[in-house]
Amino acid sequence: MVTHFKVARHLACGHHGNNLTSTVELNRVKCRTCRNTDAYKEARRNQRRAARRARSGSPHNDWRSAWTQRLTELPGLQRLPRGFSGQPFV
C-alpha cells in the first residue's frame, strides 16, 4: 500500500480521496510523487539539520574531564597522567 506525505491537511502529490493512507513521518512515505515535491524535500532538509544540531551539541566522549573528576574525588594526592594541564598533583 502506498503511503503519501501529508502537508497542511493536503497530500503533497495532489491526489484526492478518502481512502488514501497518509503520514507526516518522512521515513514512512512510499509515494514517489510525494518524495519529489519541494515540500517533502524541504521537510527532509529540516530533519537532517535538526539531527546534526542535536549531535554536535553534546560531546560524544569526554573522558578527560571524567578522569580528572574521578581523581579529584579520591582521597590523598593523586598524580595526573602526562598531558593533563601540567599539574603535578590534583
N, C-alpha and C. Protein backbone atom coordinates (compact mmCIF):
# COMPACT_ATOMS: atom_id res chain seq x y z
N MET A 1 0.84 -1.17 0.00
CA MET A 1 0.00 0.00 0.00
C MET A 1 0.89 1.25 0.00
N VAL A 2 0.54 2.23 -0.78
CA VAL A 2 1.31 3.46 -0.92
C VAL A 2 0.92 4.42 0.19
N THR A 3 1.93 5.00 0.84
CA THR A 3 1.71 5.98 1.89
C THR A 3 2.15 7.34 1.37
N HIS A 4 1.28 8.32 1.48
CA HIS A 4 1.54 9.67 0.96
C HIS A 4 2.02 10.59 2.07
N PHE A 5 2.64 11.72 1.69
CA PHE A 5 3.11 12.72 2.63
C PHE A 5 2.04 13.79 2.80
N LYS A 6 1.66 14.05 4.04
CA LYS A 6 0.58 14.98 4.34
C LYS A 6 1.17 16.32 4.80
N VAL A 7 0.77 17.40 4.11
CA VAL A 7 1.23 18.75 4.44
C VAL A 7 0.00 19.64 4.57
N ALA A 8 -0.19 20.23 5.73
CA ALA A 8 -1.29 21.18 5.97
C ALA A 8 -2.64 20.61 5.50
N ARG A 9 -2.97 19.40 5.92
CA ARG A 9 -4.24 18.73 5.63
C ARG A 9 -4.42 18.36 4.16
N HIS A 10 -3.34 18.41 3.36
CA HIS A 10 -3.40 18.02 1.95
C HIS A 10 -2.26 17.06 1.66
N LEU A 11 -2.40 16.28 0.61
CA LEU A 11 -1.32 15.40 0.19
C LEU A 11 -0.36 16.17 -0.69
N ALA A 12 0.93 15.94 -0.52
CA ALA A 12 1.94 16.70 -1.25
C ALA A 12 1.88 16.45 -2.75
N CYS A 13 1.48 15.26 -3.17
CA CYS A 13 1.47 14.92 -4.59
C CYS A 13 0.21 15.42 -5.29
N GLY A 14 -0.82 15.83 -4.54
CA GLY A 14 -2.02 16.36 -5.15
C GLY A 14 -3.13 15.34 -5.34
N HIS A 15 -2.94 14.10 -4.95
CA HIS A 15 -4.01 13.10 -5.06
C HIS A 15 -5.14 13.43 -4.09
N HIS A 16 -6.34 12.99 -4.43
CA HIS A 16 -7.51 13.22 -3.60
C HIS A 16 -8.19 11.90 -3.32
N GLY A 17 -8.80 11.78 -2.18
CA GLY A 17 -9.56 10.58 -1.86
C GLY A 17 -9.64 10.38 -0.37
N ASN A 18 -10.69 9.69 0.06
CA ASN A 18 -10.90 9.45 1.48
C ASN A 18 -10.18 8.20 1.98
N ASN A 19 -9.82 7.30 1.09
CA ASN A 19 -9.22 6.04 1.49
C ASN A 19 -7.71 5.99 1.28
N LEU A 20 -7.07 7.12 1.06
CA LEU A 20 -5.62 7.14 0.86
C LEU A 20 -4.91 7.22 2.20
N THR A 21 -3.86 6.44 2.33
CA THR A 21 -3.06 6.45 3.56
C THR A 21 -2.06 7.58 3.49
N SER A 22 -1.99 8.38 4.57
CA SER A 22 -1.04 9.50 4.59
C SER A 22 -0.39 9.60 5.96
N THR A 23 0.77 10.24 6.00
CA THR A 23 1.51 10.39 7.23
C THR A 23 2.36 11.66 7.16
N VAL A 24 2.80 12.13 8.33
CA VAL A 24 3.73 13.26 8.40
C VAL A 24 5.14 12.76 8.73
N GLU A 25 5.29 11.46 8.99
CA GLU A 25 6.60 10.87 9.25
C GLU A 25 7.32 10.65 7.92
N LEU A 26 8.47 11.25 7.76
CA LEU A 26 9.16 11.24 6.47
C LEU A 26 9.66 9.85 6.07
N ASN A 27 10.04 9.04 7.03
CA ASN A 27 10.59 7.72 6.72
C ASN A 27 9.53 6.72 6.27
N ARG A 28 8.25 7.00 6.48
CA ARG A 28 7.19 6.07 6.12
C ARG A 28 6.57 6.38 4.76
N VAL A 29 6.96 7.48 4.11
CA VAL A 29 6.38 7.88 2.82
C VAL A 29 6.89 6.96 1.73
N LYS A 30 5.96 6.37 0.95
CA LYS A 30 6.32 5.46 -0.13
C LYS A 30 5.98 6.01 -1.51
N CYS A 31 5.16 7.04 -1.59
CA CYS A 31 4.74 7.60 -2.87
C CYS A 31 5.91 8.34 -3.52
N ARG A 32 6.29 7.94 -4.73
CA ARG A 32 7.40 8.58 -5.43
C ARG A 32 7.10 10.01 -5.81
N THR A 33 5.87 10.30 -6.13
CA THR A 33 5.49 11.66 -6.50
C THR A 33 5.58 12.57 -5.28
N CYS A 34 5.18 12.09 -4.13
CA CYS A 34 5.29 12.88 -2.90
C CYS A 34 6.75 13.14 -2.54
N ARG A 35 7.60 12.14 -2.75
CA ARG A 35 9.02 12.29 -2.43
C ARG A 35 9.71 13.30 -3.33
N ASN A 36 9.19 13.55 -4.52
CA ASN A 36 9.82 14.50 -5.44
C ASN A 36 9.27 15.92 -5.31
N THR A 37 8.38 16.17 -4.36
CA THR A 37 7.84 17.52 -4.19
C THR A 37 8.79 18.37 -3.36
N ASP A 38 8.66 19.68 -3.52
CA ASP A 38 9.51 20.61 -2.77
C ASP A 38 9.20 20.57 -1.28
N ALA A 39 7.94 20.35 -0.93
CA ALA A 39 7.55 20.30 0.49
C ALA A 39 8.23 19.13 1.20
N TYR A 40 8.27 17.97 0.55
CA TYR A 40 8.92 16.80 1.14
C TYR A 40 10.43 17.01 1.26
N LYS A 41 11.04 17.55 0.22
CA LYS A 41 12.48 17.76 0.24
C LYS A 41 12.88 18.78 1.30
N GLU A 42 12.09 19.82 1.47
CA GLU A 42 12.37 20.83 2.49
C GLU A 42 12.21 20.25 3.90
N ALA A 43 11.20 19.44 4.10
CA ALA A 43 11.00 18.79 5.40
C ALA A 43 12.15 17.83 5.70
N ARG A 44 12.64 17.15 4.69
CA ARG A 44 13.78 16.24 4.86
C ARG A 44 15.04 17.01 5.25
N ARG A 45 15.28 18.16 4.57
CA ARG A 45 16.42 19.01 4.90
C ARG A 45 16.35 19.50 6.34
N ASN A 46 15.17 19.94 6.75
CA ASN A 46 14.99 20.43 8.12
C ASN A 46 15.22 19.32 9.14
N GLN A 47 14.80 18.11 8.83
CA GLN A 47 15.01 16.98 9.73
C GLN A 47 16.51 16.68 9.87
N ARG A 48 17.23 16.72 8.76
CA ARG A 48 18.68 16.45 8.81
C ARG A 48 19.42 17.54 9.57
N ARG A 49 19.02 18.80 9.37
CA ARG A 49 19.65 19.90 10.11
C ARG A 49 19.43 19.75 11.61
N ALA A 50 18.23 19.40 12.01
CA ALA A 50 17.93 19.22 13.42
C ALA A 50 18.75 18.07 14.01
N ALA A 51 18.92 17.00 13.24
CA ALA A 51 19.71 15.87 13.72
C ALA A 51 21.18 16.25 13.87
N ARG A 52 21.70 17.04 12.93
CA ARG A 52 23.10 17.49 13.04
C ARG A 52 23.30 18.39 14.24
N ARG A 53 22.35 19.29 14.49
CA ARG A 53 22.46 20.18 15.65
C ARG A 53 22.42 19.40 16.95
N ALA A 54 21.58 18.39 17.00
CA ALA A 54 21.48 17.57 18.21
C ALA A 54 22.77 16.80 18.45
N ARG A 55 23.39 16.30 17.39
CA ARG A 55 24.64 15.55 17.54
C ARG A 55 25.79 16.44 17.93
N SER A 56 25.90 17.63 17.34
CA SER A 56 27.05 18.49 17.58
C SER A 56 26.96 19.19 18.92
N GLY A 57 25.81 19.25 19.55
CA GLY A 57 25.64 19.96 20.81
C GLY A 57 26.24 19.25 22.01
N SER A 58 26.27 17.94 22.01
CA SER A 58 26.77 17.20 23.17
C SER A 58 28.08 16.49 22.81
N PRO A 59 29.04 16.50 23.73
CA PRO A 59 30.29 15.77 23.46
C PRO A 59 30.06 14.27 23.49
N HIS A 60 30.65 13.56 22.55
CA HIS A 60 30.45 12.12 22.45
C HIS A 60 31.24 11.36 23.51
N ASN A 61 32.50 11.75 23.70
CA ASN A 61 33.35 11.02 24.62
C ASN A 61 34.25 12.01 25.34
N ASP A 62 33.82 12.48 26.48
CA ASP A 62 34.59 13.45 27.25
C ASP A 62 35.30 12.73 28.39
N TRP A 63 36.26 11.89 28.04
CA TRP A 63 36.92 11.06 29.02
C TRP A 63 37.89 11.85 29.89
N ARG A 64 38.48 12.93 29.35
CA ARG A 64 39.44 13.71 30.14
C ARG A 64 38.81 14.34 31.37
N SER A 65 37.69 14.99 31.19
CA SER A 65 37.06 15.64 32.34
C SER A 65 36.52 14.60 33.32
N ALA A 66 36.04 13.46 32.82
CA ALA A 66 35.56 12.40 33.70
C ALA A 66 36.71 11.82 34.53
N TRP A 67 37.87 11.65 33.92
CA TRP A 67 39.03 11.11 34.63
C TRP A 67 39.55 12.11 35.65
N THR A 68 39.62 13.37 35.29
CA THR A 68 40.05 14.41 36.22
C THR A 68 39.10 14.49 37.40
N GLN A 69 37.82 14.43 37.15
CA GLN A 69 36.82 14.45 38.23
C GLN A 69 36.99 13.24 39.14
N ARG A 70 37.24 12.09 38.57
CA ARG A 70 37.41 10.87 39.37
C ARG A 70 38.63 10.97 40.26
N LEU A 71 39.76 11.48 39.73
CA LEU A 71 40.96 11.63 40.54
C LEU A 71 40.79 12.71 41.60
N THR A 72 40.04 13.73 41.30
CA THR A 72 39.79 14.79 42.27
C THR A 72 38.99 14.27 43.45
N GLU A 73 38.06 13.37 43.21
CA GLU A 73 37.22 12.84 44.28
C GLU A 73 37.94 11.82 45.17
N LEU A 74 39.05 11.25 44.70
CA LEU A 74 39.79 10.28 45.51
C LEU A 74 40.51 11.00 46.65
N PRO A 75 40.60 10.36 47.82
CA PRO A 75 41.32 10.98 48.94
C PRO A 75 42.83 10.95 48.71
N GLY A 76 43.55 11.94 49.21
CA GLY A 76 45.00 11.98 49.10
C GLY A 76 45.45 12.63 47.80
N LEU A 77 46.78 12.68 47.62
CA LEU A 77 47.35 13.28 46.42
C LEU A 77 47.39 12.25 45.31
N GLN A 78 46.78 12.55 44.23
CA GLN A 78 46.74 11.65 43.08
C GLN A 78 47.41 12.32 41.89
N ARG A 79 48.32 11.63 41.24
CA ARG A 79 49.01 12.19 40.08
C ARG A 79 48.11 12.12 38.86
N LEU A 80 48.16 13.18 38.07
CA LEU A 80 47.50 13.17 36.77
C LEU A 80 48.49 12.65 35.74
N PRO A 81 48.06 11.94 34.74
CA PRO A 81 48.95 11.47 33.68
C PRO A 81 49.51 12.65 32.87
N ARG A 82 50.53 12.39 32.07
CA ARG A 82 51.10 13.42 31.21
C ARG A 82 50.05 14.00 30.28
N GLY A 83 50.15 15.30 30.03
CA GLY A 83 49.24 15.94 29.11
C GLY A 83 48.00 16.53 29.76
N PHE A 84 47.86 16.42 31.07
CA PHE A 84 46.71 16.97 31.76
C PHE A 84 47.11 18.31 32.40
N SER A 85 47.12 19.33 31.63
CA SER A 85 47.30 20.73 32.04
C SER A 85 48.51 21.00 32.93
N GLY A 86 49.52 20.18 32.91
CA GLY A 86 50.78 20.45 33.58
C GLY A 86 50.72 20.45 35.09
N GLN A 87 49.70 19.92 35.71
CA GLN A 87 49.63 19.90 37.17
C GLN A 87 50.32 18.64 37.68
N PRO A 88 51.23 18.78 38.68
CA PRO A 88 51.84 17.57 39.22
C PRO A 88 50.89 16.76 40.10
N PHE A 89 50.00 17.44 40.84
CA PHE A 89 49.04 16.76 41.69
C PHE A 89 47.68 17.44 41.55
N VAL A 90 46.64 16.67 41.87
CA VAL A 90 45.29 17.23 41.87
C VAL A 90 45.03 17.86 43.21
